[in-house]
Protein backbone atom coordinates (compact mmCIF):
# COMPACT_ATOMS: atom_id res chain seq x y z
CA MET A 1 176.07 40.22 198.05
CA ARG A 2 179.44 39.34 199.53
CA PHE A 3 181.09 35.95 199.26
CA PHE A 4 183.51 34.32 201.67
CA SER A 5 186.15 31.63 201.24
CA THR A 6 185.23 28.21 202.60
CA ASN A 7 188.80 28.04 203.96
CA ASP A 8 188.64 31.40 205.71
CA PRO A 9 185.27 33.11 206.36
CA THR A 10 187.08 36.37 207.14
CA HIS A 11 188.21 36.58 203.49
CA GLN A 12 185.27 38.23 201.73
CA VAL A 13 184.85 39.69 198.24
CA GLU A 14 182.19 41.29 196.06
CA LEU A 15 180.45 39.53 193.17
CA THR A 16 182.82 40.62 190.39
CA GLN A 17 185.93 39.34 192.15
CA ALA A 18 184.23 36.07 193.11
CA VAL A 19 183.20 35.41 189.50
CA VAL A 20 186.31 36.66 187.72
CA LYS A 21 188.80 35.00 190.10
CA GLY A 22 186.73 31.83 190.51
CA LEU A 23 188.84 30.46 193.36
CA ALA A 24 189.89 32.25 196.56
CA PRO A 25 193.64 32.89 197.08
CA ASP A 26 193.67 30.29 199.87
CA GLN A 27 192.15 27.68 197.48
CA GLY A 28 188.79 27.96 199.21
CA LEU A 29 185.54 28.12 197.24
CA TYR A 30 183.48 31.28 197.33
CA PHE A 31 180.18 30.96 199.19
CA PRO A 32 177.34 33.47 199.78
CA PHE A 33 177.85 35.39 203.02
CA GLU A 34 174.10 35.16 203.56
CA ILE A 35 171.64 32.83 201.85
CA PRO A 36 168.40 34.74 201.21
CA LYS A 37 165.09 33.23 202.31
CA LEU A 38 162.29 33.39 199.75
CA SER A 39 158.87 34.50 200.90
CA SER A 40 156.13 31.96 201.56
CA ASP A 41 153.97 33.79 199.01
CA PHE A 42 156.60 33.23 196.29
CA LEU A 43 157.08 29.57 197.21
CA GLU A 44 153.33 28.93 197.20
CA SER A 45 153.01 30.58 193.78
CA LEU A 46 155.64 28.35 192.12
CA PRO A 47 153.13 26.07 190.31
CA ASP A 48 151.61 29.13 188.63
CA LEU A 49 154.93 30.55 187.44
CA SER A 50 156.90 29.78 184.28
CA PHE A 51 160.50 28.55 184.49
CA ARG A 52 161.75 32.04 183.68
CA GLU A 53 159.45 33.72 186.20
CA ILE A 54 160.79 31.37 188.87
CA GLY A 55 164.30 32.32 187.73
CA TYR A 56 163.62 36.05 188.04
CA GLY A 57 162.52 35.58 191.65
CA VAL A 58 165.33 33.26 192.73
CA ILE A 59 168.21 35.02 190.95
CA GLY A 60 166.79 38.39 191.97
CA ALA A 61 166.89 37.37 195.63
CA ILE A 62 170.59 36.46 195.34
CA PHE A 63 171.95 39.11 192.98
CA SER A 64 169.66 42.16 193.36
CA ASP A 65 172.40 44.11 195.22
CA ASP A 66 174.74 43.75 192.25
CA LEU A 67 172.58 43.62 189.12
CA SER A 68 169.69 45.71 187.85
CA THR A 69 166.25 44.23 187.25
CA ALA A 70 166.90 44.44 183.50
CA GLN A 71 170.24 42.61 183.85
CA ILE A 72 168.66 39.87 185.95
CA LYS A 73 165.95 39.39 183.34
CA GLU A 74 168.51 39.27 180.51
CA LEU A 75 170.64 36.80 182.47
CA VAL A 76 167.73 34.47 183.27
CA ASP A 77 166.25 34.66 179.76
CA HIS A 78 169.63 33.68 178.28
CA THR A 79 170.09 30.83 180.78
CA LEU A 80 166.60 29.35 180.65
CA ALA A 81 166.20 29.26 176.87
CA PHE A 82 165.09 25.59 176.98
CA ASP A 83 162.90 23.39 179.14
CA ALA A 84 163.71 20.94 181.96
CA PRO A 85 160.63 18.68 181.98
CA ILE A 86 159.60 16.26 184.71
CA VAL A 87 158.77 12.82 183.26
CA LYS A 88 157.01 10.07 185.20
CA VAL A 89 158.98 6.81 184.99
CA GLU A 90 156.96 4.73 187.44
CA GLN A 91 154.69 5.24 190.45
CA ASP A 92 156.08 8.14 192.57
CA VAL A 93 159.36 8.18 190.58
CA TYR A 94 160.13 11.05 188.19
CA SER A 95 163.04 11.94 185.94
CA LEU A 96 164.11 15.57 185.79
CA GLU A 97 165.40 15.86 182.23
CA LEU A 98 168.24 18.35 182.11
CA PHE A 99 169.46 17.55 178.59
CA HIS A 100 167.36 19.83 176.41
CA GLY A 101 170.02 22.53 175.98
CA PRO A 102 172.61 23.07 173.22
CA THR A 103 175.00 20.28 174.31
CA LEU A 104 172.28 18.03 175.77
CA ALA A 105 173.64 18.05 179.34
CA PHE A 106 172.67 19.76 182.60
CA LYS A 107 175.79 21.91 182.55
CA ASP A 108 174.30 24.00 179.75
CA PHE A 109 172.35 25.91 182.41
CA GLY A 110 175.40 26.90 184.44
CA ALA A 111 177.63 27.51 181.42
CA ARG A 112 175.17 29.90 179.77
CA PHE A 113 174.62 31.77 183.05
CA CYS A 114 178.37 31.98 183.67
CA SER A 115 179.26 33.25 180.21
CA LYS A 116 176.53 35.90 180.23
CA LEU A 117 177.29 37.11 183.76
CA MET A 118 181.02 37.24 183.07
CA SER A 119 180.47 39.29 179.93
CA MET A 120 178.24 41.68 181.91
CA LEU A 121 180.79 42.13 184.69
CA MET A 122 183.73 42.54 182.29
CA ALA A 123 181.93 44.75 179.75
CA LYS A 124 184.04 47.83 180.60
CA SER A 125 187.36 45.99 180.84
CA ASP A 126 189.87 45.90 178.00
CA LYS A 127 191.69 42.86 179.42
CA LYS A 128 191.18 39.42 177.87
CA VAL A 129 189.87 36.78 180.29
CA ARG A 130 191.30 33.26 180.10
CA VAL A 131 188.82 30.67 181.33
CA LEU A 132 190.51 27.45 182.50
CA VAL A 133 188.30 24.37 182.62
CA ALA A 134 189.03 20.80 183.69
CA THR A 135 186.47 18.33 182.37
CA SER A 136 185.56 14.69 182.74
CA GLY A 137 183.08 15.11 179.89
CA ASP A 138 180.04 17.38 179.93
CA THR A 139 181.60 20.46 181.54
CA GLY A 140 183.95 20.91 178.61
CA SER A 141 181.24 20.75 175.98
CA ALA A 142 178.83 23.00 177.91
CA VAL A 143 181.44 25.66 178.69
CA ALA A 144 182.92 25.57 175.19
CA ASN A 145 179.54 26.08 173.57
CA GLY A 146 178.45 28.61 176.20
CA PHE A 147 181.53 30.80 175.67
CA LEU A 148 181.98 30.19 171.94
CA GLY A 149 182.52 33.52 170.20
CA VAL A 150 182.19 35.58 173.41
CA GLU A 151 184.33 38.66 172.85
CA GLY A 152 187.26 39.17 175.20
CA VAL A 153 187.25 35.59 176.48
CA GLU A 154 189.51 32.66 175.60
CA VAL A 155 188.68 29.18 176.95
CA VAL A 156 191.31 26.53 177.68
CA ILE A 157 189.84 23.07 178.31
CA LEU A 158 191.88 20.28 179.90
CA PHE A 159 190.56 16.73 179.52
CA PRO A 160 192.05 13.30 180.32
CA LYS A 161 193.19 11.40 177.25
CA GLY A 162 191.04 8.36 176.49
CA LYS A 163 188.65 8.92 179.40
CA VAL A 164 185.95 11.07 177.80
CA SER A 165 183.30 9.65 175.47
CA ALA A 166 183.96 10.23 171.76
CA LEU A 167 180.83 12.32 171.36
CA GLN A 168 181.63 14.48 174.39
CA GLU A 169 185.11 15.08 172.97
CA LYS A 170 183.70 16.17 169.62
CA GLN A 171 181.51 18.75 171.35
CA PHE A 172 184.48 20.80 172.54
CA THR A 173 187.49 19.77 170.41
CA THR A 174 185.98 20.69 167.03
CA LEU A 175 184.84 24.27 167.66
CA GLY A 176 187.98 26.34 167.15
CA GLN A 177 187.61 30.15 167.43
CA ASN A 178 188.27 31.06 171.09
CA ILE A 179 188.20 27.45 172.36
CA ILE A 180 191.49 25.58 172.99
CA SER A 181 191.54 21.90 173.99
CA LEU A 182 194.42 20.23 175.85
CA GLU A 183 194.53 16.42 175.90
CA VAL A 184 196.24 15.54 179.21
CA GLU A 185 198.05 12.29 179.98
CA GLY A 186 196.28 11.40 183.21
CA VAL A 187 192.87 11.39 184.86
CA PHE A 188 190.34 14.13 185.57
CA ASP A 189 191.82 14.85 189.00
CA ASP A 190 195.16 15.61 187.32
CA CYS A 191 193.44 18.12 185.03
CA GLN A 192 191.67 19.72 187.97
CA LYS A 193 194.95 19.97 189.91
CA LEU A 194 196.70 21.69 186.99
CA VAL A 195 193.92 24.29 186.83
CA LYS A 196 194.07 24.96 190.57
CA GLN A 197 197.87 25.29 190.43
CA ALA A 198 197.53 27.87 187.67
CA PHE A 199 195.15 29.95 189.75
CA LEU A 200 197.66 30.02 192.60
CA ASP A 201 200.76 30.79 190.51
CA SER A 202 201.77 34.40 191.13
CA GLU A 203 203.76 34.76 187.91
CA LEU A 204 200.87 33.57 185.73
CA ASN A 205 198.37 35.77 187.55
CA SER A 206 200.59 38.81 187.13
CA LYS A 207 200.52 38.33 183.36
CA LEU A 208 197.07 36.80 182.68
CA LEU A 209 193.53 37.31 183.94
CA LEU A 210 192.60 33.72 184.78
CA THR A 211 189.24 32.42 185.90
CA SER A 212 187.33 29.16 186.07
CA ALA A 213 184.07 27.95 184.57
CA ASN A 214 184.04 24.70 186.53
CA SER A 215 181.44 24.43 189.26
CA ILE A 216 184.01 25.84 191.69
CA ASN A 217 182.92 29.20 190.20
CA ILE A 218 179.76 30.57 191.84
CA ALA A 219 178.51 31.68 188.42
CA ARG A 220 178.46 28.05 187.31
CA TRP A 221 177.22 26.66 190.60
CA ILE A 222 174.40 28.95 191.77
CA PRO A 223 172.12 28.85 188.67
CA GLN A 224 171.82 25.08 188.99
CA CYS A 225 169.45 25.65 191.92
CA LEU A 226 166.83 26.95 189.48
CA TYR A 227 165.76 23.60 188.08
CA TYR A 228 165.13 22.23 191.58
CA PHE A 229 162.55 24.97 192.13
CA TYR A 230 161.02 24.29 188.72
CA ALA A 231 160.93 20.51 189.18
CA PHE A 232 159.37 20.78 192.62
CA SER A 233 156.70 23.13 191.26
CA ARG A 234 155.68 20.61 188.57
CA LEU A 235 155.32 17.55 190.83
CA PRO A 236 151.84 16.32 191.73
CA LYS A 237 150.48 17.82 194.93
CA ASN A 238 149.74 14.54 196.72
CA GLY A 239 150.82 15.44 200.22
CA LYS A 240 153.97 13.31 200.04
CA GLU A 241 157.37 14.62 201.01
CA VAL A 242 159.95 14.97 198.23
CA VAL A 243 163.40 13.42 197.88
CA PHE A 244 165.90 14.26 195.12
CA ALA A 245 168.58 11.76 194.05
CA VAL A 246 171.56 13.43 192.38
CA PRO A 247 174.17 11.54 190.32
CA SER A 248 177.34 13.14 191.65
CA GLY A 249 180.95 13.70 190.60
CA ASN A 250 182.23 17.09 191.72
CA PHE A 251 179.07 17.60 193.84
CA GLY A 252 178.17 21.08 192.57
CA ASN A 253 174.78 19.83 191.40
CA LEU A 254 173.91 18.37 194.80
CA ALA A 255 175.16 21.51 196.56
CA ALA A 256 172.90 23.60 194.29
CA GLY A 257 169.89 21.51 195.31
CA ILE A 258 170.71 22.05 198.97
CA LEU A 259 171.08 25.78 198.25
CA ALA A 260 167.50 25.75 196.92
CA GLN A 261 166.40 23.99 200.11
CA ARG A 262 168.22 26.59 202.22
CA MET A 263 166.36 29.33 200.35
CA GLY A 264 163.08 27.77 201.48
CA LEU A 265 162.21 25.04 198.97
CA PRO A 266 160.69 22.24 201.10
CA ILE A 267 162.76 19.29 199.86
CA LYS A 268 162.86 16.72 202.65
CA HIS A 269 165.97 14.73 201.74
CA PHE A 270 168.80 14.31 199.20
CA VAL A 271 170.58 11.21 197.97
CA ALA A 272 174.14 11.52 196.71
CA ALA A 273 174.53 8.72 194.17
CA THR A 274 177.96 7.90 192.75
CA ASN A 275 179.76 5.25 190.76
CA ALA A 276 182.87 3.47 192.12
CA ASN A 277 184.31 6.91 192.99
CA LYS A 278 182.62 6.80 196.38
CA VAL A 279 184.57 9.03 198.76
CA VAL A 280 181.46 11.05 199.66
CA PRO A 281 179.07 8.07 200.17
CA ASP A 282 181.79 6.54 202.37
CA PHE A 283 181.97 9.79 204.35
CA LEU A 284 178.20 9.94 204.71
CA LYS A 285 178.27 6.43 206.17
CA GLY A 286 180.84 7.36 208.81
CA ASP A 287 184.30 7.35 207.23
CA VAL A 288 186.69 10.30 207.31
CA PHE A 289 186.57 12.25 204.03
CA THR A 290 189.63 10.97 202.18
CA PRO A 291 190.28 11.89 198.53
CA LYS A 292 191.45 8.97 196.40
CA PRO A 293 192.68 8.48 192.82
CA SER A 294 189.71 8.40 190.48
CA VAL A 295 188.50 5.13 188.95
CA GLN A 296 187.36 4.92 185.32
CA THR A 297 183.71 3.85 184.87
CA VAL A 298 180.95 3.85 182.25
CA SER A 299 179.50 6.97 183.92
CA ASN A 300 182.68 8.89 183.18
CA SER A 301 181.43 12.39 184.01
CA MET A 302 181.37 11.28 187.66
CA ASP A 303 184.89 9.82 187.69
CA VAL A 304 186.14 12.20 190.37
CA GLY A 305 188.23 11.05 193.33
CA ASN A 306 188.58 14.46 195.03
CA PRO A 307 185.27 16.34 194.60
CA SER A 308 186.02 20.06 194.62
CA ASN A 309 182.56 21.11 195.85
CA PHE A 310 182.76 19.08 199.06
CA PRO A 311 183.62 22.23 201.10
CA ARG A 312 180.38 23.83 199.85
CA LEU A 313 178.39 20.85 201.12
CA LEU A 314 179.88 21.48 204.55
CA ALA A 315 179.33 25.25 204.31
CA LEU A 316 175.64 24.69 203.55
CA TYR A 317 175.40 22.98 206.96
CA ASN A 318 177.61 25.53 208.76
CA PHE A 319 180.51 23.06 208.62
CA ASP A 320 178.62 20.63 210.86
CA GLU A 321 179.38 17.17 209.48
CA ASP A 322 176.67 15.49 211.55
CA SER A 323 174.01 17.83 210.17
CA LEU A 324 175.12 17.08 206.60
CA LYS A 325 174.95 13.34 207.28
CA ALA A 326 171.46 13.69 208.76
CA HIS A 327 170.04 15.39 205.65
CA VAL A 328 171.95 13.64 202.85
CA SER A 329 172.39 9.91 202.35
CA GLY A 330 174.71 8.26 199.87
CA GLY A 331 174.97 5.21 197.66
CA PHE A 332 177.41 3.94 195.06
CA TYR A 333 176.90 1.56 192.16
CA SER A 334 179.04 -0.62 189.92
CA ASP A 335 179.12 -0.54 186.13
CA ASP A 336 177.17 -3.81 186.05
CA GLU A 337 174.46 -2.38 188.29
CA THR A 338 174.35 0.74 186.14
CA LYS A 339 173.86 -1.25 182.93
CA GLU A 340 171.20 -3.43 184.55
CA ALA A 341 169.30 -0.30 185.61
CA ILE A 342 169.42 0.95 182.01
CA ARG A 343 167.93 -2.38 180.87
CA SER A 344 165.23 -2.59 183.55
CA VAL A 345 164.04 0.98 183.11
CA ARG A 346 163.93 0.53 179.33
CA GLU A 347 161.29 -2.14 179.96
CA LYS A 348 159.21 0.60 181.61
CA GLY A 349 159.47 2.64 178.40
CA TYR A 350 162.23 5.07 179.42
CA VAL A 351 165.87 5.26 178.30
CA LEU A 352 168.47 6.31 180.88
CA ASP A 353 172.00 7.51 180.36
CA PRO A 354 174.60 5.92 182.71
CA HIS A 355 174.58 8.90 185.09
CA GLY A 356 170.80 9.03 185.32
CA ALA A 357 170.89 5.27 185.94
CA VAL A 358 173.11 5.82 188.98
CA GLY A 359 170.71 8.50 190.24
CA TYR A 360 167.75 6.17 189.70
CA LEU A 361 169.44 3.39 191.68
CA GLY A 362 170.18 5.76 194.55
CA LEU A 363 166.58 6.93 194.59
CA LYS A 364 165.11 3.42 194.51
CA ASP A 365 167.34 2.25 197.36
CA PHE A 366 166.29 5.22 199.49
CA MET A 367 162.58 4.78 198.75
CA LYS A 368 162.80 1.07 199.52
CA SER A 369 163.90 1.92 203.06
CA ASN A 370 161.79 5.10 203.30
CA PRO A 371 158.35 4.49 201.74
CA GLY A 372 155.84 7.25 201.21
CA PHE A 373 158.02 9.75 199.32
CA THR A 374 157.71 11.29 195.89
CA GLY A 375 161.13 10.83 194.32
CA VAL A 376 162.99 12.70 191.59
CA PHE A 377 166.28 11.62 190.04
CA LEU A 378 168.29 13.90 187.79
CA GLU A 379 168.79 12.71 184.21
CA THR A 380 171.84 14.84 183.56
CA ALA A 381 172.63 14.02 179.92
CA HIS A 382 170.97 12.63 176.83
CA PRO A 383 171.63 8.86 176.55
CA GLY A 384 172.98 9.42 173.04
CA LYS A 385 176.04 11.13 174.54
CA PHE A 386 176.99 7.72 175.93
CA ARG A 387 175.81 5.77 172.93
CA ASP A 388 178.27 2.87 173.19
CA VAL A 389 177.41 2.12 176.83
CA VAL A 390 173.66 2.44 176.38
CA GLU A 391 173.54 0.42 173.14
CA GLU A 392 175.62 -2.34 174.72
CA ALA A 393 173.33 -2.43 177.77
CA LEU A 394 170.15 -2.50 175.69
CA GLY A 395 171.27 -4.50 172.70
CA GLU A 396 169.60 -1.97 170.41
CA ASP A 397 170.64 1.06 168.38
CA LEU A 398 169.97 4.60 169.54
CA VAL A 399 168.87 7.31 167.16
CA LEU A 400 170.94 10.43 167.86
CA PRO A 401 169.25 13.84 167.95
CA ASP A 402 170.32 15.99 165.01
CA ARG A 403 172.28 18.32 167.30
CA LEU A 404 174.43 15.45 168.58
CA ALA A 405 174.91 13.88 165.16
CA ALA A 406 176.14 17.21 163.80
CA PHE A 407 179.05 17.29 166.27
CA LEU A 408 180.35 13.98 164.91
CA GLU A 409 181.14 15.64 161.59
CA GLY A 410 183.67 18.07 163.07
CA GLN A 411 187.47 17.70 162.95
CA LYS A 412 189.15 17.17 166.32
CA LYS A 413 191.80 19.80 167.14
CA VAL A 414 193.79 19.22 170.33
CA THR A 415 197.18 19.95 171.85
CA PRO A 416 198.76 16.98 173.70
CA MET A 417 199.88 17.82 177.25
CA ASN A 418 201.81 15.85 179.86
CA ASN A 419 200.59 15.87 183.44
CA ASP A 420 203.19 18.50 184.27
CA PHE A 421 202.47 21.96 185.66
CA GLU A 422 205.58 23.60 184.23
CA GLU A 423 204.59 22.46 180.74
CA PHE A 424 201.05 23.77 181.27
CA LYS A 425 202.40 27.06 182.68
CA THR A 426 204.66 27.55 179.66
CA PHE A 427 201.71 26.92 177.34
CA LEU A 428 199.61 29.56 179.12
CA LYS A 429 202.42 32.15 179.12
CA GLU A 430 202.73 31.71 175.35
CA LEU A 431 199.08 32.71 174.94
CA GLU A 432 199.90 36.25 176.01
């Protein structure tokens, strides 16, 4: 499989370069040169297949030119080591729970896939890989835990000071070993910009082998399509068309769902649901796409003012903006609306996290105007990761899972960093 840059389709690379470099030299994102179509026999058999069996078929269709059958099986088995159950919340509305992995967030799937694939591709190299990651919350914890102890890899995580939940912070700042955490004075977009600048700096790249484990990297992005296939296969067969509502920040998760659709999964429509950081919903409603400074909200993992995966959304529709707008609708929701959704759904017997609440609101608004669908919203993190917000909304205490509670015991180890590229560059050079 070859991959092209979303900024220049004539720039094409093989799998190893796409994964190890992460970002194209022209700052474009790598995208599959050809999206494989799955057979009707495979798609019809989905309800009879396990999560892993679905993974073998989907990942095999994408990576069979580059990986052996045994490697694909090892990669999928490592990635899908936990479930992603569909839970009925109310009539025709289902939650896809993506928080049953090691850090209790959806990014565990992509992080585990990325770390395993990178170790496979770099197995014969004697050069240390430096993984640079900007995080607004869950990416940092998932990547840190996914790469923890992986030989030949050092992870540098940049996060905005005071804008990540305390529990999320603990999940990546207490690990040590090959994980380094930088506490940046600024917002997530500043962290993301520093990482992109590093990838484009010729001096750094002549000295260090730098790559990304954000969803700009295809090895983080592509495996997220797997749980759309699995969720679809577990829905009731009632003849209704299916809509997925995706709480969105950097938009890799939504792009992965559309990738599944492009491979043949018959999802009828997608809803891009955001918080006050609404540049994509505004675009979908007719505005010009215009990045803006991010706004801090209670759903902090979506506090992104310049979503890096937006070019992939366009690439999935052959860069036809009208086609994208016809197949994806958008909605945005305030903190007050988010908290009210947490309260109202709790009365139905289900506890949402703030991001799932935004997805639920987007789904309900769509279904109100478009009756007759079966709807799925993505519950991207365990509510305990946002304990303060959820407890305030509900007026009741949450019991943390043991895995989350254990992180609270660790000692935070961070290096303060100004929002200054030269300072960041000097720090990276000193790692060598």
